[in-house]
Amino acid sequence: MSQFICINGDILPDTAPVTGVYNRSFNFGDGLCEEMRTRGNRIIFWDDHWNNIQKAMSILKLNTCLLPHKNEFEAAVSRLIHRNKLLKSSKLRLVIFRKAGFSCTDILDSIEYAITAQPIESSIFTLSPKGVLVNINTDFAKNLSPISGIRTTSEVRNVLALIKAKDSGAGDSLFLNSKNNLVEATNSNLFIVKDNTLITPPLSDGCFDGVMRKKIIEIAVENRIKTVSHQSIGPASLYNASEILLANSTVGVQWVMGYRNRRYFNKTAKKLTELLNYKANLLS
């Protein structure tokens, strides 16, 4: 079925030629991406996503003054949602990139953006009855740098890790940083439950500073779930954990069923999913 996309505020067929071979995101990974979820035409946790977008732009030296007003983005998303008839729920992917130049050194102080939307079956966050198997990817350590906490359009490391995971029978892969600490999965933040404590790697370890990471921590604190977000997680912790959770803005919470011969529960994952729906005003 034909779909529509948004390019710089214009709604166009997804078959339209919307970029050229000199696109800097295509050539150099010179851009950022932010994935979001909608219900109707409302972007869930939009204020937090907007802050993340501005922060990422500043880190990548993209001129935030050239960014359309927040309300303009909301209006563009609303037009896109209605044009694609995705009024139940959808997954949005926003890509912001520097305007095309002929070479890597041809840097222009101008930006463009693209938004795509795909349907999501449920209008609320749901926990899959089947957990995912994970492995640890040892091919690509995540280096600590100023861009560690943001999503850029250069994600080949994640793609290769996911391919390798699926080839081995796993559903996702966990990354280590250069200090041999676990940081995240290919497209999700990482949480473990150990001794009735919810633990997630600190941002100083290089993990993605995602909106869902913030929200899960907020929800846990508000509901008196003991939470630690300043403690590194070593690979050995996977054997001592009672639960492993993955979280991102479009899926919500996903529970890990197993790592190697270790199997896990999903009690906390169920509780957090319910609380997340209330936090996002998806349940009353």
C-alpha atoms as a PDB file:
ATOM      1  CA  MET A   1       0.000   0.000   0.000  1.00  0.00           C
ATOM      2  CA  SER A   2       1.284   3.437  -0.889  1.00  0.00           C
ATOM      3  CA  GLN A   3       2.412   5.585   2.029  1.00  0.00           C
ATOM      4  CA  PHE A   4       3.222   9.236   2.491  1.00  0.00           C
ATOM      5  CA  ILE A   5       6.240  10.883   4.084  1.00  0.00           C
ATOM      6  CA  CYS A   6       7.041  14.388   5.279  1.00  0.00           C
ATOM      7  CA  ILE A   7      10.000  16.313   3.852  1.00  0.00           C
ATOM      8  CA  ASN A   8      10.618  19.748   5.335  1.00  0.00           C
ATOM      9  CA  GLY A   9       6.917  20.056   6.157  1.00  0.00           C
ATOM     10  CA  ASP A  10       5.597  18.889   2.765  1.00  0.00           C
ATOM     11  CA  ILE A  11       3.614  15.635   2.563  1.00  0.00           C
ATOM     12  CA  LEU A  12       4.807  13.580  -0.406  1.00  0.00           C
ATOM     13  CA  PRO A  13       4.371   9.998  -1.682  1.00  0.00           C
ATOM     14  CA  ASP A  14       7.078   7.693  -0.365  1.00  0.00           C
ATOM     15  CA  THR A  15       8.019   6.989  -3.995  1.00  0.00           C
ATOM     16  CA  ALA A  16       8.899  10.639  -4.654  1.00  0.00           C
ATOM     17  CA  PRO A  17      12.578  11.478  -5.286  1.00  0.00           C
ATOM     18  CA  VAL A  18      13.181  13.440  -2.102  1.00  0.00           C
ATOM     19  CA  THR A  19      16.970  13.457  -1.812  1.00  0.00           C
ATOM     20  CA  GLY A  20      20.012  13.466  -4.032  1.00  0.00           C
ATOM     21  CA  VAL A  21      23.277  11.548  -4.023  1.00  0.00           C
ATOM     22  CA  TYR A  22      24.968  14.451  -2.224  1.00  0.00           C
ATOM     23  CA  ASN A  23      22.759  14.071   0.851  1.00  0.00           C
ATOM     24  CA  ARG A  24      25.129  14.347   3.839  1.00  0.00           C
ATOM     25  CA  SER A  25      23.205  11.870   5.958  1.00  0.00           C
ATOM     26  CA  PHE A  26      23.453   9.332   3.140  1.00  0.00           C
ATOM     27  CA  ASN A  27      27.140   9.993   2.461  1.00  0.00           C
ATOM     28  CA  PHE A  28      28.610  10.796   5.864  1.00  0.00           C
ATOM     29  CA  GLY A  29      26.027   9.867   8.496  1.00  0.00           C
ATOM     30  CA  ASP A  30      25.846  13.602   9.193  1.00  0.00           C
ATOM     31  CA  GLY A  31      22.490  13.682  10.918  1.00  0.00           C
ATOM     32  CA  LEU A  32      20.474  12.598  13.914  1.00  0.00           C
ATOM     33  CA  CYS A  33      17.348  10.527  14.310  1.00  0.00           C
ATOM     34  CA  GLU A  34      14.643  10.428  16.953  1.00  0.00           C
ATOM     35  CA  GLU A  35      12.023   7.684  17.146  1.00  0.00           C
ATOM     36  CA  MET A  36       8.676   8.458  18.736  1.00  0.00           C
ATOM     37  CA  ARG A  37       5.267   6.926  19.230  1.00  0.00           C
ATOM     38  CA  THR A  38       1.891   8.509  18.607  1.00  0.00           C
ATOM     39  CA  ARG A  39      -1.653   7.907  19.678  1.00  0.00           C
ATOM     40  CA  GLY A  40      -3.943   9.565  17.216  1.00  0.00           C
ATOM     41  CA  ASN A  41      -1.955  12.618  16.191  1.00  0.00           C
ATOM     42  CA  ARG A  42      -0.493  13.133  19.681  1.00  0.00           C
ATOM     43  CA  ILE A  43       3.229  12.477  20.078  1.00  0.00           C
ATOM     44  CA  ILE A  44       3.764  10.641  23.348  1.00  0.00           C
ATOM     45  CA  PHE A  45       6.262  12.395  25.647  1.00  0.00           C
ATOM     46  CA  TRP A  46       6.716  15.061  22.973  1.00  0.00           C
ATOM     47  CA  ASP A  47       8.293  17.644  25.290  1.00  0.00           C
ATOM     48  CA  ASP A  48      11.026  15.166  26.259  1.00  0.00           C
ATOM     49  CA  HIS A  49      11.657  14.220  22.635  1.00  0.00           C
ATOM     50  CA  TRP A  50      11.867  17.885  21.667  1.00  0.00           C
ATOM     51  CA  ASN A  51      14.505  18.481  24.340  1.00  0.00           C
ATOM     52  CA  ASN A  52      16.461  15.448  23.114  1.00  0.00           C
ATOM     53  CA  ILE A  53      16.342  16.721  19.526  1.00  0.00           C
ATOM     54  CA  GLN A  54      17.697  20.131  20.485  1.00  0.00           C
ATOM     55  CA  LYS A  55      20.415  18.603  22.649  1.00  0.00           C
ATOM     56  CA  ALA A  56      21.511  16.239  19.862  1.00  0.00           C
ATOM     57  CA  MET A  57      21.571  19.068  17.334  1.00  0.00           C
ATOM     58  CA  SER A  58      23.828  21.116  19.603  1.00  0.00           C
ATOM     59  CA  ILE A  59      26.241  18.202  20.014  1.00  0.00           C
ATOM     60  CA  LEU A  60      26.377  17.698  16.227  1.00  0.00           C
ATOM     61  CA  LYS A  61      26.827  21.458  15.657  1.00  0.00           C
ATOM     62  CA  LEU A  62      23.553  21.694  13.770  1.00  0.00           C
ATOM     63  CA  ASN A  63      22.119  25.183  14.078  1.00  0.00           C
ATOM     64  CA  THR A  64      19.066  24.921  16.346  1.00  0.00           C
ATOM     65  CA  CYS A  65      17.974  28.400  15.244  1.00  0.00           C
ATOM     66  CA  LEU A  66      17.180  26.882  11.832  1.00  0.00           C
ATOM     67  CA  LEU A  67      14.855  24.311  13.387  1.00  0.00           C
ATOM     68  CA  PRO A  68      11.165  24.880  12.645  1.00  0.00           C
ATOM     69  CA  HIS A  69       9.058  25.822  15.651  1.00  0.00           C
ATOM     70  CA  LYS A  70       7.906  22.970  17.856  1.00  0.00           C
ATOM     71  CA  ASN A  71       4.291  23.599  16.839  1.00  0.00           C
ATOM     72  CA  GLU A  72       5.243  23.354  13.157  1.00  0.00           C
ATOM     73  CA  PHE A  73       6.601  19.857  13.734  1.00  0.00           C
ATOM     74  CA  GLU A  74       3.409  18.867  15.541  1.00  0.00           C
ATOM     75  CA  ALA A  75       1.324  20.199  12.652  1.00  0.00           C
ATOM     76  CA  ALA A  76       3.481  18.331  10.104  1.00  0.00           C
ATOM     77  CA  VAL A  77       3.098  15.096  12.095  1.00  0.00           C
ATOM     78  CA  SER A  78      -0.680  15.606  12.272  1.00  0.00           C
ATOM     79  CA  ARG A  79      -0.885  16.026   8.472  1.00  0.00           C
ATOM     80  CA  LEU A  80       1.285  12.935   7.967  1.00  0.00           C
ATOM     81  CA  ILE A  81      -0.770  10.814  10.373  1.00  0.00           C
ATOM     82  CA  HIS A  82      -4.051  11.782   8.746  1.00  0.00           C
ATOM     83  CA  ARG A  83      -2.730  11.308   5.219  1.00  0.00           C
ATOM     84  CA  ASN A  84      -1.566   7.785   6.104  1.00  0.00           C
ATOM     85  CA  LYS A  85      -4.759   7.061   8.092  1.00  0.00           C
ATOM     86  CA  LEU A  86      -2.764   6.069  11.170  1.00  0.00           C
ATOM     87  CA  LEU A  87      -5.148   7.516  13.745  1.00  0.00           C
ATOM     88  CA  LYS A  88      -4.837   4.535  16.107  1.00  0.00           C
ATOM     89  CA  SER A  89      -1.114   4.470  16.818  1.00  0.00           C
ATOM     90  CA  SER A  90       2.102   4.829  14.877  1.00  0.00           C
ATOM     91  CA  LYS A  91       5.875   4.797  15.033  1.00  0.00           C
ATOM     92  CA  LEU A  92       7.524   8.013  13.884  1.00  0.00           C
ATOM     93  CA  ARG A  93      11.114   8.401  12.766  1.00  0.00           C
ATOM     94  CA  LEU A  94      12.423  11.947  12.492  1.00  0.00           C
ATOM     95  CA  VAL A  95      15.751  12.507  10.733  1.00  0.00           C
ATOM     96  CA  ILE A  96      17.450  15.901  10.773  1.00  0.00           C
ATOM     97  CA  PHE A  97      20.534  16.381   8.620  1.00  0.00           C
ATOM     98  CA  ARG A  98      22.827  19.074   7.320  1.00  0.00           C
ATOM     99  CA  LYS A  99      21.964  20.321   3.854  1.00  0.00           C
ATOM    100  CA  ALA A 100      23.826  18.610   1.029  1.00  0.00           C
ATOM    101  CA  GLY A 101      27.355  19.629   0.090  1.00  0.00           C
ATOM    102  CA  PHE A 102      29.627  18.230  -2.594  1.00  0.00           C
ATOM    103  CA  SER A 103      32.252  16.917  -0.153  1.00  0.00           C
ATOM    104  CA  CYS A 104      32.706  16.165   3.536  1.00  0.00           C
ATOM    105  CA  THR A 105      34.431  19.528   3.994  1.00  0.00           C
ATOM    106  CA  ASP A 106      31.661  21.435   2.202  1.00  0.00           C
ATOM    107  CA  ILE A 107      29.660  22.182   5.356  1.00  0.00           C
ATOM    108  CA  LEU A 108      26.621  24.428   4.987  1.00  0.00           C
ATOM    109  CA  ASP A 109      24.819  26.162   7.837  1.00  0.00           C
ATOM    110  CA  SER A 110      21.471  24.787   6.785  1.00  0.00           C
ATOM    111  CA  ILE A 111      19.329  21.797   7.753  1.00  0.00           C
ATOM    112  CA  GLU A 112      16.581  19.624   6.318  1.00  0.00           C
ATOM    113  CA  TYR A 113      14.352  17.033   7.911  1.00  0.00           C
ATOM    114  CA  ALA A 114      12.285  13.987   7.046  1.00  0.00           C
ATOM    115  CA  ILE A 115       9.527  12.194   8.985  1.00  0.00           C
ATOM    116  CA  THR A 116       8.202   8.710   8.282  1.00  0.00           C
ATOM    117  CA  ALA A 117       5.316   6.920   9.996  1.00  0.00           C
ATOM    118  CA  GLN A 118       4.510   3.229  10.319  1.00  0.00           C
ATOM    119  CA  PRO A 119       1.458   1.625  11.952  1.00  0.00           C
ATOM    120  CA  ILE A 120       1.510   0.104  15.440  1.00  0.00           C
ATOM    121  CA  GLU A 121      -1.267  -2.382  16.167  1.00  0.00           C
ATOM    122  CA  SER A 122      -2.010  -1.484  19.776  1.00  0.00           C
ATOM    123  CA  SER A 123      -3.018   1.975  20.966  1.00  0.00           C
ATOM    124  CA  ILE A 124      -1.302   1.319  24.316  1.00  0.00           C
ATOM    125  CA  PHE A 125       2.067  -0.088  25.318  1.00  0.00           C
ATOM    126  CA  THR A 126       1.833  -3.864  25.568  1.00  0.00           C
ATOM    127  CA  LEU A 127       4.246  -6.481  26.854  1.00  0.00           C
ATOM    128  CA  SER A 128       4.811  -9.354  24.463  1.00  0.00           C
ATOM    129  CA  PRO A 129       3.986 -12.736  26.044  1.00  0.00           C
ATOM    130  CA  LYS A 130       7.155 -14.055  24.453  1.00  0.00           C
ATOM    131  CA  GLY A 131      10.437 -12.621  25.641  1.00  0.00           C
ATOM    132  CA  VAL A 132      13.527 -12.151  23.508  1.00  0.00           C
ATOM    133  CA  LEU A 133      16.811 -14.043  23.648  1.00  0.00           C
ATOM    134  CA  VAL A 134      19.939 -11.883  23.734  1.00  0.00           C
ATOM    135  CA  ASN A 135      23.664 -12.295  23.278  1.00  0.00           C
ATOM    136  CA  ILE A 136      26.618  -9.994  23.910  1.00  0.00           C
ATOM    137  CA  ASN A 137      28.286  -8.510  20.851  1.00  0.00           C
ATOM    138  CA  THR A 138      32.054  -8.479  21.264  1.00  0.00           C
ATOM    139  CA  ASP A 139      32.847  -7.209  17.746  1.00  0.00           C
ATOM    140  CA  PHE A 140      31.981  -3.549  18.295  1.00  0.00           C
ATOM    141  CA  ALA A 141      32.761  -1.961  21.653  1.00  0.00           C
ATOM    142  CA  LYS A 142      30.988   1.369  22.136  1.00  0.00           C
ATOM    143  CA  ASN A 143      33.572   4.085  22.605  1.00  0.00           C
ATOM    144  CA  LEU A 144      32.963   6.876  25.086  1.00  0.00           C
ATOM    145  CA  SER A 145      32.628  10.235  23.323  1.00  0.00           C
ATOM    146  CA  PRO A 146      30.410  13.360  23.252  1.00  0.00           C
ATOM    147  CA  ILE A 147      28.111  11.626  20.733  1.00  0.00           C
ATOM    148  CA  SER A 148      27.725   8.369  22.726  1.00  0.00           C
ATOM    149  CA  GLY A 149      24.383   9.424  24.148  1.00  0.00           C
ATOM    150  CA  ILE A 150      22.631  10.409  20.909  1.00  0.00           C
ATOM    151  CA  ARG A 151      21.342   8.549  17.860  1.00  0.00           C
ATOM    152  CA  THR A 152      23.018   9.525  14.610  1.00  0.00           C
ATOM    153  CA  THR A 153      22.219   8.314  11.107  1.00  0.00           C
ATOM    154  CA  SER A 154      25.425   6.260  11.152  1.00  0.00           C
ATOM    155  CA  GLU A 155      24.194   3.026  12.757  1.00  0.00           C
ATOM    156  CA  VAL A 156      26.008   0.299  10.819  1.00  0.00           C
ATOM    157  CA  ARG A 157      27.405  -1.072  14.096  1.00  0.00           C
ATOM    158  CA  ASN A 158      23.879  -1.718  15.342  1.00  0.00           C
ATOM    159  CA  VAL A 159      22.784  -3.261  12.053  1.00  0.00           C
ATOM    160  CA  LEU A 160      25.688  -5.723  11.945  1.00  0.00           C
ATOM    161  CA  ALA A 161      25.222  -6.646  15.604  1.00  0.00           C
ATOM    162  CA  LEU A 162      21.540  -7.366  15.038  1.00  0.00           C
ATOM    163  CA  ILE A 163      22.274  -9.482  11.950  1.00  0.00           C
ATOM    164  CA  LYS A 164      24.821 -11.510  13.914  1.00  0.00           C
ATOM    165  CA  ALA A 165      22.381 -11.942  16.790  1.00  0.00           C
ATOM    166  CA  LYS A 166      19.648 -13.248  14.513  1.00  0.00           C
ATOM    167  CA  ASP A 167      22.096 -15.566  12.735  1.00  0.00           C
ATOM    168  CA  SER A 168      22.881 -17.116  16.122  1.00  0.00           C
ATOM    169  CA  GLY A 169      19.207 -17.547  17.028  1.00  0.00           C
ATOM    170  CA  ALA A 170      18.987 -14.511  19.333  1.00  0.00           C
ATOM    171  CA  GLY A 171      16.574 -11.616  18.918  1.00  0.00           C
ATOM    172  CA  ASP A 172      18.839  -8.800  20.040  1.00  0.00           C
ATOM    173  CA  SER A 173      22.392  -8.042  21.068  1.00  0.00           C
ATOM    174  CA  LEU A 174      23.883  -6.183  24.027  1.00  0.00           C
ATOM    175  CA  PHE A 175      26.849  -3.850  23.583  1.00  0.00           C
ATOM    176  CA  LEU A 176      29.898  -3.450  25.787  1.00  0.00           C
ATOM    177  CA  ASN A 177      31.812  -0.214  26.127  1.00  0.00           C
ATOM    178  CA  SER A 178      35.590   0.126  26.036  1.00  0.00           C
ATOM    179  CA  LYS A 179      35.690  -0.623  29.787  1.00  0.00           C
ATOM    180  CA  ASN A 180      33.888  -3.943  29.264  1.00  0.00           C
ATOM    181  CA  ASN A 181      30.649  -2.748  30.868  1.00  0.00           C
ATOM    182  CA  LEU A 182      27.233  -3.388  29.333  1.00  0.00           C
ATOM    183  CA  VAL A 183      25.610  -0.242  27.972  1.00  0.00           C
ATOM    184  CA  GLU A 184      22.549  -0.992  25.806  1.00  0.00           C
ATOM    185  CA  ALA A 185      20.924  -3.185  23.161  1.00  0.00           C
ATOM    186  CA  THR A 186      20.894  -2.403  19.430  1.00  0.00           C
ATOM    187  CA  ASN A 187      17.908  -0.059  19.681  1.00  0.00           C
ATOM    188  CA  SER A 188      16.978  -0.005  23.359  1.00  0.00           C
ATOM    189  CA  ASN A 189      18.187   1.013  26.765  1.00  0.00           C
ATOM    190  CA  LEU A 190      19.122  -1.768  29.164  1.00  0.00           C
ATOM    191  CA  PHE A 191      17.763  -2.449  32.645  1.00  0.00           C
ATOM    192  CA  ILE A 192      18.329  -5.398  34.944  1.00  0.00           C
ATOM    193  CA  VAL A 193      16.542  -6.407  38.138  1.00  0.00           C
ATOM    194  CA  LYS A 194      18.826  -7.717  40.857  1.00  0.00           C
ATOM    195  CA  ASP A 195      18.000  -8.101  44.560  1.00  0.00           C
ATOM    196  CA  ASN A 196      14.679  -6.282  43.996  1.00  0.00           C
ATOM    197  CA  THR A 197      16.552  -3.289  42.560  1.00  0.00           C
ATOM    198  CA  LEU A 198      16.124  -1.854  39.070  1.00  0.00           C
ATOM    199  CA  ILE A 199      19.568  -1.044  37.659  1.00  0.00           C
ATOM    200  CA  THR A 200      20.465   0.740  34.424  1.00  0.00           C
ATOM    201  CA  PRO A 201      23.931   1.789  33.203  1.00  0.00           C
ATOM    202  CA  PRO A 202      24.965   5.407  33.894  1.00  0.00           C
ATOM    203  CA  LEU A 203      25.201   7.873  31.019  1.00  0.00           C
ATOM    204  CA  SER A 204      28.917   8.127  31.787  1.00  0.00           C
ATOM    205  CA  ASP A 205      29.279   4.562  30.469  1.00  0.00           C
ATOM    206  CA  GLY A 206      28.177   5.771  27.030  1.00  0.00           C
ATOM    207  CA  CYS A 207      24.597   4.527  26.883  1.00  0.00           C
ATOM    208  CA  PHE A 208      21.933   6.233  24.769  1.00  0.00           C
ATOM    209  CA  ASP A 209      20.258   9.078  26.659  1.00  0.00           C
ATOM    210  CA  GLY A 210      16.817   7.986  25.534  1.00  0.00           C
ATOM    211  CA  VAL A 211      13.422   9.384  26.517  1.00  0.00           C
ATOM    212  CA  MET A 212      12.226   5.959  27.610  1.00  0.00           C
ATOM    213  CA  ARG A 213      15.242   5.544  29.890  1.00  0.00           C
ATOM    214  CA  LYS A 214      14.243   8.773  31.641  1.00  0.00           C
ATOM    215  CA  LYS A 215      10.601   7.744  31.894  1.00  0.00           C
ATOM    216  CA  ILE A 216      11.284   4.271  33.299  1.00  0.00           C
ATOM    217  CA  ILE A 217      13.529   5.795  35.966  1.00  0.00           C
ATOM    218  CA  GLU A 218      10.870   8.426  36.783  1.00  0.00           C
ATOM    219  CA  ILE A 219       8.134   5.806  37.015  1.00  0.00           C
ATOM    220  CA  ALA A 220      10.222   3.530  39.225  1.00  0.00           C
ATOM    221  CA  VAL A 221      11.107   6.357  41.632  1.00  0.00           C
ATOM    222  CA  GLU A 222       7.513   7.612  41.771  1.00  0.00           C
ATOM    223  CA  ASN A 223       6.307   4.103  42.648  1.00  0.00           C
ATOM    224  CA  ARG A 224       9.020   3.417  45.228  1.00  0.00           C
ATOM    225  CA  ILE A 225      10.825   0.810  43.177  1.00  0.00           C
ATOM    226  CA  LYS A 226      14.433   0.898  44.321  1.00  0.00           C
ATOM    227  CA  THR A 227      16.396   2.252  41.368  1.00  0.00           C
ATOM    228  CA  VAL A 228      20.111   2.625  40.655  1.00  0.00           C
ATOM    229  CA  SER A 229      21.285   4.614  37.613  1.00  0.00           C
ATOM    230  CA  HIS A 230      24.892   5.333  38.579  1.00  0.00           C
ATOM    231  CA  GLN A 231      26.242   1.793  38.734  1.00  0.00           C
ATOM    232  CA  SER A 232      28.009   0.040  35.850  1.00  0.00           C
ATOM    233  CA  ILE A 233      26.751  -3.385  34.812  1.00  0.00           C
ATOM    234  CA  GLY A 234      29.332  -6.057  34.053  1.00  0.00           C
ATOM    235  CA  PRO A 235      28.567  -9.107  31.884  1.00  0.00           C
ATOM    236  CA  ALA A 236      28.606 -11.363  34.963  1.00  0.00           C
ATOM    237  CA  SER A 237      25.550  -9.476  36.271  1.00  0.00           C
ATOM    238  CA  LEU A 238      23.420 -11.182  33.638  1.00  0.00           C
ATOM    239  CA  TYR A 239      23.827 -14.462  35.520  1.00  0.00           C
ATOM    240  CA  ASN A 240      22.774 -12.908  38.838  1.00  0.00           C
ATOM    241  CA  ALA A 241      19.813 -10.904  37.542  1.00  0.00           C
ATOM    242  CA  SER A 242      16.224 -12.059  38.007  1.00  0.00           C
ATOM    243  CA  GLU A 243      15.027  -9.954  35.074  1.00  0.00           C
ATOM    244  CA  ILE A 244      16.486  -8.145  32.065  1.00  0.00           C
ATOM    245  CA  LEU A 245      14.455  -5.403  30.407  1.00  0.00           C
ATOM    246  CA  LEU A 246      14.923  -3.468  27.176  1.00  0.00           C
ATOM    247  CA  ALA A 247      13.120  -0.165  26.680  1.00  0.00           C
ATOM    248  CA  ASN A 248      12.616   2.293  23.841  1.00  0.00           C
ATOM    249  CA  SER A 249      10.109   4.967  22.897  1.00  0.00           C
ATOM    250  CA  THR A 250       8.147   3.010  20.300  1.00  0.00           C
ATOM    251  CA  VAL A 251       7.901  -0.448  21.879  1.00  0.00           C
ATOM    252  CA  GLY A 252       7.944   0.555  25.535  1.00  0.00           C
ATOM    253  CA  VAL A 253       9.239  -2.278  27.725  1.00  0.00           C
ATOM    254  CA  GLN A 254      10.422  -5.585  26.294  1.00  0.00           C
ATOM    255  CA  TRP A 255      11.468  -8.435  28.538  1.00  0.00           C
ATOM    256  CA  VAL A 256      14.412 -10.703  27.926  1.00  0.00           C
ATOM    257  CA  MET A 257      13.569 -14.373  28.187  1.00  0.00           C
ATOM    258  CA  GLY A 258      17.115 -15.659  28.214  1.00  0.00           C
ATOM    259  CA  TYR A 259      20.844 -15.193  27.839  1.00  0.00           C
ATOM    260  CA  ARG A 260      22.787 -18.374  27.030  1.00  0.00           C
ATOM    261  CA  ASN A 261      21.483 -20.974  29.514  1.00  0.00           C
ATOM    262  CA  ARG A 262      20.006 -18.383  31.910  1.00  0.00           C
ATOM    263  CA  ARG A 263      16.253 -17.739  31.942  1.00  0.00           C
ATOM    264  CA  TYR A 264      14.428 -14.744  33.398  1.00  0.00           C
ATOM    265  CA  PHE A 265      11.082 -13.656  34.825  1.00  0.00           C
ATOM    266  CA  ASN A 266       8.976 -10.651  33.723  1.00  0.00           C
ATOM    267  CA  LYS A 267       7.168  -9.498  36.887  1.00  0.00           C
ATOM    268  CA  THR A 268       8.793  -6.049  36.903  1.00  0.00           C
ATOM    269  CA  ALA A 269       8.370  -5.710  33.137  1.00  0.00           C
ATOM    270  CA  LYS A 270       4.603  -6.257  33.506  1.00  0.00           C
ATOM    271  CA  LYS A 271       4.342  -3.720  36.306  1.00  0.00           C
ATOM    272  CA  LEU A 272       6.381  -1.077  34.475  1.00  0.00           C
ATOM    273  CA  THR A 273       4.344  -1.531  31.285  1.00  0.00           C
ATOM    274  CA  GLU A 274       1.120  -0.829  33.156  1.00  0.00           C
ATOM    275  CA  LEU A 275       2.612   2.182  34.930  1.00  0.00           C
ATOM    276  CA  LEU A 276       4.046   3.454  31.636  1.00  0.00           C
ATOM    277  CA  ASN A 277       0.594   3.533  30.069  1.00  0.00           C
ATOM    278  CA  TYR A 278      -0.678   5.701  32.923  1.00  0.00           C
ATOM    279  CA  LYS A 279       2.391   7.929  32.691  1.00  0.00           C
ATOM    280  CA  ALA A 280       1.738   8.441  28.966  1.00  0.00           C
ATOM    281  CA  ASN A 281      -1.987   9.111  29.577  1.00  0.00           C
ATOM    282  CA  LEU A 282      -2.928   6.064  27.540  1.00  0.00           C
ATOM    283  CA  LEU A 283      -4.985   4.631  30.396  1.00  0.00           C
ATOM    284  CA  SER A 284      -7.195   6.494  32.824  1.00  0.00           C
END
